[in-house]
Amino acid sequence: MIVELPEYGDENYRGSEEIEGEFRAGPICVAFGRVIETLALQMKIQPACESPIEVQLGAELMRRLPSGFRLEPQYPFQGFRMDFAVIAPAGNACLFIECDGKAFHSTREQKANDRAKDASAALMQIPLLRFTGSNIFRDAAGCARAVVSLVEGLA
C-alpha cells in the first residue's frame, strides 16, 4: 500500500514550513512537541511519585503552574504525607492535592486517614483538592487547569 502525503502548498499540508524566512511549526509538529514535553516531565517527576496517577497529574501541574509557584511531591504535613503541595513564591504551602486511586483510598482505615488529612489542612486554612484516579486518567490536563485556577485565585 502506498500512502501519498500532502506536500507543502497542498490544502491538507499540516507539517512545518518556512514563511517569509521564519520557521513555523505546523499542528503535527506542535502536537508531537507536547507529547515529548509531557514524557520528559513525567520522567522528571516519576521518581518522587508513588503511583501512575501522581506521575500523570504531576507532569501536567509542572507544565501549567504560574511562575514562582512550584510543586512538591510527597509533602510532609503534620504527621501526614500529602501527594502534592503547591509552594507559593514566599516558600509556604498554599494548596494540597491528593490523588485518590481505588487501591489506596477504599478501605475504612484509608478513608478515615483521608478525613484526618482534610481536617488537618482545613485547621491550617490550606485548601486541599482531591482527584480520583478516573478523573486524572480521563483528563489530567483538566484537573491541572482546576488547580491552576485555584492557585491564581490565591495569588
C-alpha atoms as a PDB file:
ATOM      1  CA  MET A   1       0.000   0.000   0.000  1.00  0.00           C
ATOM      2  CA  ILE A   2       1.350   3.392  -0.925  1.00  0.00           C
ATOM      3  CA  VAL A   3       0.246   6.402   1.070  1.00  0.00           C
ATOM      4  CA  GLU A   4       0.648   9.757  -0.561  1.00  0.00           C
ATOM      5  CA  LEU A   5       1.398  12.520   1.898  1.00  0.00           C
ATOM      6  CA  PRO A   6       0.275  16.069   1.206  1.00  0.00           C
ATOM      7  CA  GLU A   7       3.054  18.345   0.093  1.00  0.00           C
ATOM      8  CA  TYR A   8       3.856  21.915   1.001  1.00  0.00           C
ATOM      9  CA  GLY A   9       1.265  24.169  -0.578  1.00  0.00           C
ATOM     10  CA  ASP A  10      -1.426  21.462  -0.616  1.00  0.00           C
ATOM     11  CA  GLU A  11      -4.504  22.491   1.427  1.00  0.00           C
ATOM     12  CA  ASN A  12      -4.118  19.311   3.524  1.00  0.00           C
ATOM     13  CA  TYR A  13      -0.487  20.005   4.443  1.00  0.00           C
ATOM     14  CA  ARG A  14      -0.089  20.056   8.254  1.00  0.00           C
ATOM     15  CA  GLY A  15       3.673  19.864   8.692  1.00  0.00           C
ATOM     16  CA  SER A  16       6.171  22.618   9.339  1.00  0.00           C
ATOM     17  CA  GLU A  17       7.039  25.291   6.855  1.00  0.00           C
ATOM     18  CA  GLU A  18       9.137  28.342   6.369  1.00  0.00           C
ATOM     19  CA  ILE A  19       7.142  31.515   5.894  1.00  0.00           C
ATOM     20  CA  GLU A  20       8.958  34.719   4.991  1.00  0.00           C
ATOM     21  CA  GLY A  21      12.245  33.308   6.278  1.00  0.00           C
ATOM     22  CA  GLU A  22      10.782  32.243   9.629  1.00  0.00           C
ATOM     23  CA  PHE A  23      10.194  28.630  10.639  1.00  0.00           C
ATOM     24  CA  ARG A  24       6.637  27.898  11.729  1.00  0.00           C
ATOM     25  CA  ALA A  25       5.698  24.577  13.253  1.00  0.00           C
ATOM     26  CA  GLY A  26       2.556  23.027  11.867  1.00  0.00           C
ATOM     27  CA  PRO A  27      -0.116  21.373  14.045  1.00  0.00           C
ATOM     28  CA  ILE A  28       1.502  17.946  13.805  1.00  0.00           C
ATOM     29  CA  CYS A  29       4.855  19.295  14.991  1.00  0.00           C
ATOM     30  CA  VAL A  30       3.207  21.239  17.811  1.00  0.00           C
ATOM     31  CA  ALA A  31       1.269  18.154  18.985  1.00  0.00           C
ATOM     32  CA  PHE A  32       4.381  15.981  18.799  1.00  0.00           C
ATOM     33  CA  GLY A  33       6.305  18.604  20.797  1.00  0.00           C
ATOM     34  CA  ARG A  34       3.648  18.488  23.535  1.00  0.00           C
ATOM     35  CA  VAL A  35       3.900  14.705  23.719  1.00  0.00           C
ATOM     36  CA  ILE A  36       7.680  14.901  24.056  1.00  0.00           C
ATOM     37  CA  GLU A  37       7.398  17.635  26.707  1.00  0.00           C
ATOM     38  CA  THR A  38       4.858  15.573  28.683  1.00  0.00           C
ATOM     39  CA  LEU A  39       7.065  12.480  28.571  1.00  0.00           C
ATOM     40  CA  ALA A  40      10.077  14.497  29.732  1.00  0.00           C
ATOM     41  CA  LEU A  41       8.096  15.975  32.638  1.00  0.00           C
ATOM     42  CA  GLN A  42       6.760  12.528  33.592  1.00  0.00           C
ATOM     43  CA  MET A  43      10.291  11.117  33.619  1.00  0.00           C
ATOM     44  CA  LYS A  44      11.439  14.020  35.785  1.00  0.00           C
ATOM     45  CA  ILE A  45       8.716  13.687  38.422  1.00  0.00           C
ATOM     46  CA  GLN A  46       8.278   9.891  38.378  1.00  0.00           C
ATOM     47  CA  PRO A  47      10.989   9.061  40.969  1.00  0.00           C
ATOM     48  CA  ALA A  48       9.252  11.267  43.558  1.00  0.00           C
ATOM     49  CA  CYS A  49       5.762   9.854  42.980  1.00  0.00           C
ATOM     50  CA  GLU A  50       4.088   6.742  44.351  1.00  0.00           C
ATOM     51  CA  SER A  51       1.572   5.977  41.606  1.00  0.00           C
ATOM     52  CA  PRO A  52       0.953   6.425  37.874  1.00  0.00           C
ATOM     53  CA  ILE A  53      -1.872   8.895  38.544  1.00  0.00           C
ATOM     54  CA  GLU A  54       0.508  11.072  40.568  1.00  0.00           C
ATOM     55  CA  VAL A  55       3.022  10.991  37.710  1.00  0.00           C
ATOM     56  CA  GLN A  56       0.384  11.951  35.172  1.00  0.00           C
ATOM     57  CA  LEU A  57      -1.110  14.809  37.208  1.00  0.00           C
ATOM     58  CA  GLY A  58       2.288  15.974  38.446  1.00  0.00           C
ATOM     59  CA  ALA A  59       3.602  16.363  34.900  1.00  0.00           C
ATOM     60  CA  GLU A  60       0.554  18.423  33.909  1.00  0.00           C
ATOM     61  CA  LEU A  61       0.933  20.604  37.001  1.00  0.00           C
ATOM     62  CA  MET A  62       4.637  21.199  36.369  1.00  0.00           C
ATOM     63  CA  ARG A  63       3.754  22.417  32.865  1.00  0.00           C
ATOM     64  CA  ARG A  64       0.961  24.743  33.983  1.00  0.00           C
ATOM     65  CA  LEU A  65       1.732  26.230  37.415  1.00  0.00           C
ATOM     66  CA  PRO A  66       2.184  30.001  37.340  1.00  0.00           C
ATOM     67  CA  SER A  67       5.697  31.386  37.504  1.00  0.00           C
ATOM     68  CA  GLY A  68       7.112  31.457  41.028  1.00  0.00           C
ATOM     69  CA  PHE A  69       4.998  28.529  42.247  1.00  0.00           C
ATOM     70  CA  ARG A  70       6.467  25.050  42.485  1.00  0.00           C
ATOM     71  CA  LEU A  71       5.202  21.557  43.039  1.00  0.00           C
ATOM     72  CA  GLU A  72       6.479  19.306  45.832  1.00  0.00           C
ATOM     73  CA  PRO A  73       5.501  15.632  45.711  1.00  0.00           C
ATOM     74  CA  GLN A  74       5.085  13.623  48.937  1.00  0.00           C
ATOM     75  CA  TYR A  75       4.971  16.730  51.109  1.00  0.00           C
ATOM     76  CA  PRO A  76       5.178  16.058  54.880  1.00  0.00           C
ATOM     77  CA  PHE A  77       2.492  17.914  56.843  1.00  0.00           C
ATOM     78  CA  GLN A  78       1.530  17.404  60.480  1.00  0.00           C
ATOM     79  CA  GLY A  79       2.288  13.698  60.529  1.00  0.00           C
ATOM     80  CA  PHE A  80       0.750  13.095  57.099  1.00  0.00           C
ATOM     81  CA  ARG A  81       2.208  12.911  53.637  1.00  0.00           C
ATOM     82  CA  MET A  82       0.272  14.880  51.044  1.00  0.00           C
ATOM     83  CA  ASP A  83       0.578  13.643  47.450  1.00  0.00           C
ATOM     84  CA  PHE A  84       1.443  17.176  46.326  1.00  0.00           C
ATOM     85  CA  ALA A  85       1.873  20.606  47.824  1.00  0.00           C
ATOM     86  CA  VAL A  86       1.872  23.740  45.736  1.00  0.00           C
ATOM     87  CA  ILE A  87       4.524  26.005  47.197  1.00  0.00           C
ATOM     88  CA  ALA A  88       3.953  29.749  46.874  1.00  0.00           C
ATOM     89  CA  PRO A  89       6.740  32.160  45.924  1.00  0.00           C
ATOM     90  CA  ALA A  90       7.084  33.035  49.633  1.00  0.00           C
ATOM     91  CA  GLY A  91       8.042  29.388  50.311  1.00  0.00           C
ATOM     92  CA  ASN A  92       4.899  28.243  52.135  1.00  0.00           C
ATOM     93  CA  ALA A  93       2.470  25.517  51.088  1.00  0.00           C
ATOM     94  CA  CYS A  94      -0.637  27.238  49.716  1.00  0.00           C
ATOM     95  CA  LEU A  95      -2.528  24.197  48.398  1.00  0.00           C
ATOM     96  CA  PHE A  96      -2.505  20.425  48.847  1.00  0.00           C
ATOM     97  CA  ILE A  97      -3.515  17.896  46.208  1.00  0.00           C
ATOM     98  CA  GLU A  98      -4.448  14.282  46.777  1.00  0.00           C
ATOM     99  CA  CYS A  99      -4.723  11.677  44.010  1.00  0.00           C
ATOM    100  CA  ASP A 100      -7.280   9.148  45.172  1.00  0.00           C
ATOM    101  CA  GLY A 101      -6.821   5.840  43.387  1.00  0.00           C
ATOM    102  CA  LYS A 102      -9.067   2.967  44.462  1.00  0.00           C
ATOM    103  CA  ALA A 103      -6.130   0.858  45.630  1.00  0.00           C
ATOM    104  CA  PHE A 104      -5.168   3.314  48.392  1.00  0.00           C
ATOM    105  CA  HIS A 105      -8.418   5.089  49.248  1.00  0.00           C
ATOM    106  CA  SER A 106     -11.133   2.470  49.574  1.00  0.00           C
ATOM    107  CA  THR A 107     -10.819   0.785  52.982  1.00  0.00           C
ATOM    108  CA  ARG A 108     -12.406   2.148  56.150  1.00  0.00           C
ATOM    109  CA  GLU A 109      -8.940   2.942  57.594  1.00  0.00           C
ATOM    110  CA  GLN A 110      -7.791   4.714  54.440  1.00  0.00           C
ATOM    111  CA  LYS A 111     -10.984   6.768  54.301  1.00  0.00           C
ATOM    112  CA  ALA A 112     -10.507   7.747  57.965  1.00  0.00           C
ATOM    113  CA  ASN A 113      -6.925   8.796  57.182  1.00  0.00           C
ATOM    114  CA  ASP A 114      -8.188  10.909  54.273  1.00  0.00           C
ATOM    115  CA  ARG A 115     -10.737  12.634  56.527  1.00  0.00           C
ATOM    116  CA  ALA A 116      -7.995  13.347  59.084  1.00  0.00           C
ATOM    117  CA  LYS A 117      -5.803  14.858  56.345  1.00  0.00           C
ATOM    118  CA  ASP A 118      -8.721  17.018  55.203  1.00  0.00           C
ATOM    119  CA  ALA A 119      -9.344  18.234  58.773  1.00  0.00           C
ATOM    120  CA  SER A 120      -5.659  18.956  59.377  1.00  0.00           C
ATOM    121  CA  ALA A 121      -5.384  21.016  56.189  1.00  0.00           C
ATOM    122  CA  ALA A 122      -8.645  22.853  56.982  1.00  0.00           C
ATOM    123  CA  LEU A 123      -7.422  23.666  60.507  1.00  0.00           C
ATOM    124  CA  MET A 124      -4.364  25.357  58.966  1.00  0.00           C
ATOM    125  CA  GLN A 125      -6.573  27.024  56.323  1.00  0.00           C
ATOM    126  CA  ILE A 126      -4.782  25.332  53.428  1.00  0.00           C
ATOM    127  CA  PRO A 127      -7.147  24.204  50.669  1.00  0.00           C
ATOM    128  CA  LEU A 128      -6.954  20.520  49.750  1.00  0.00           C
ATOM    129  CA  LEU A 129      -8.171  19.243  46.380  1.00  0.00           C
ATOM    130  CA  ARG A 130      -8.892  15.580  45.755  1.00  0.00           C
ATOM    131  CA  PHE A 131      -8.980  13.983  42.310  1.00  0.00           C
ATOM    132  CA  THR A 132      -9.987  10.396  41.631  1.00  0.00           C
ATOM    133  CA  GLY A 133      -7.764   8.182  39.554  1.00  0.00           C
ATOM    134  CA  SER A 134     -10.529   8.023  36.939  1.00  0.00           C
ATOM    135  CA  ASN A 135     -10.663  11.828  36.718  1.00  0.00           C
ATOM    136  CA  ILE A 136      -6.893  12.036  36.298  1.00  0.00           C
ATOM    137  CA  PHE A 137      -6.675   9.281  33.677  1.00  0.00           C
ATOM    138  CA  ARG A 138      -9.610  10.744  31.778  1.00  0.00           C
ATOM    139  CA  ASP A 139      -8.483  14.388  31.875  1.00  0.00           C
ATOM    140  CA  ALA A 140      -5.237  15.164  33.701  1.00  0.00           C
ATOM    141  CA  ALA A 141      -4.991  18.482  31.873  1.00  0.00           C
ATOM    142  CA  GLY A 142      -8.473  19.474  33.095  1.00  0.00           C
ATOM    143  CA  CYS A 143      -7.539  18.545  36.671  1.00  0.00           C
ATOM    144  CA  ALA A 144      -4.373  20.631  36.361  1.00  0.00           C
ATOM    145  CA  ARG A 145      -6.361  23.581  34.994  1.00  0.00           C
ATOM    146  CA  ALA A 146      -8.651  23.380  38.064  1.00  0.00           C
ATOM    147  CA  VAL A 147      -5.591  23.511  40.313  1.00  0.00           C
ATOM    148  CA  VAL A 148      -4.085  26.449  38.428  1.00  0.00           C
ATOM    149  CA  SER A 149      -7.393  28.342  38.592  1.00  0.00           C
ATOM    150  CA  LEU A 150      -7.432  27.944  42.375  1.00  0.00           C
ATOM    151  CA  VAL A 151      -3.728  28.861  42.698  1.00  0.00           C
ATOM    152  CA  GLU A 152      -4.249  32.017  40.643  1.00  0.00           C
ATOM    153  CA  GLY A 153      -7.116  32.946  42.956  1.00  0.00           C
ATOM    154  CA  LEU A 154      -4.819  32.546  45.975  1.00  0.00           C
ATOM    155  CA  ALA A 155      -2.034  34.693  44.496  1.00  0.00           C
END
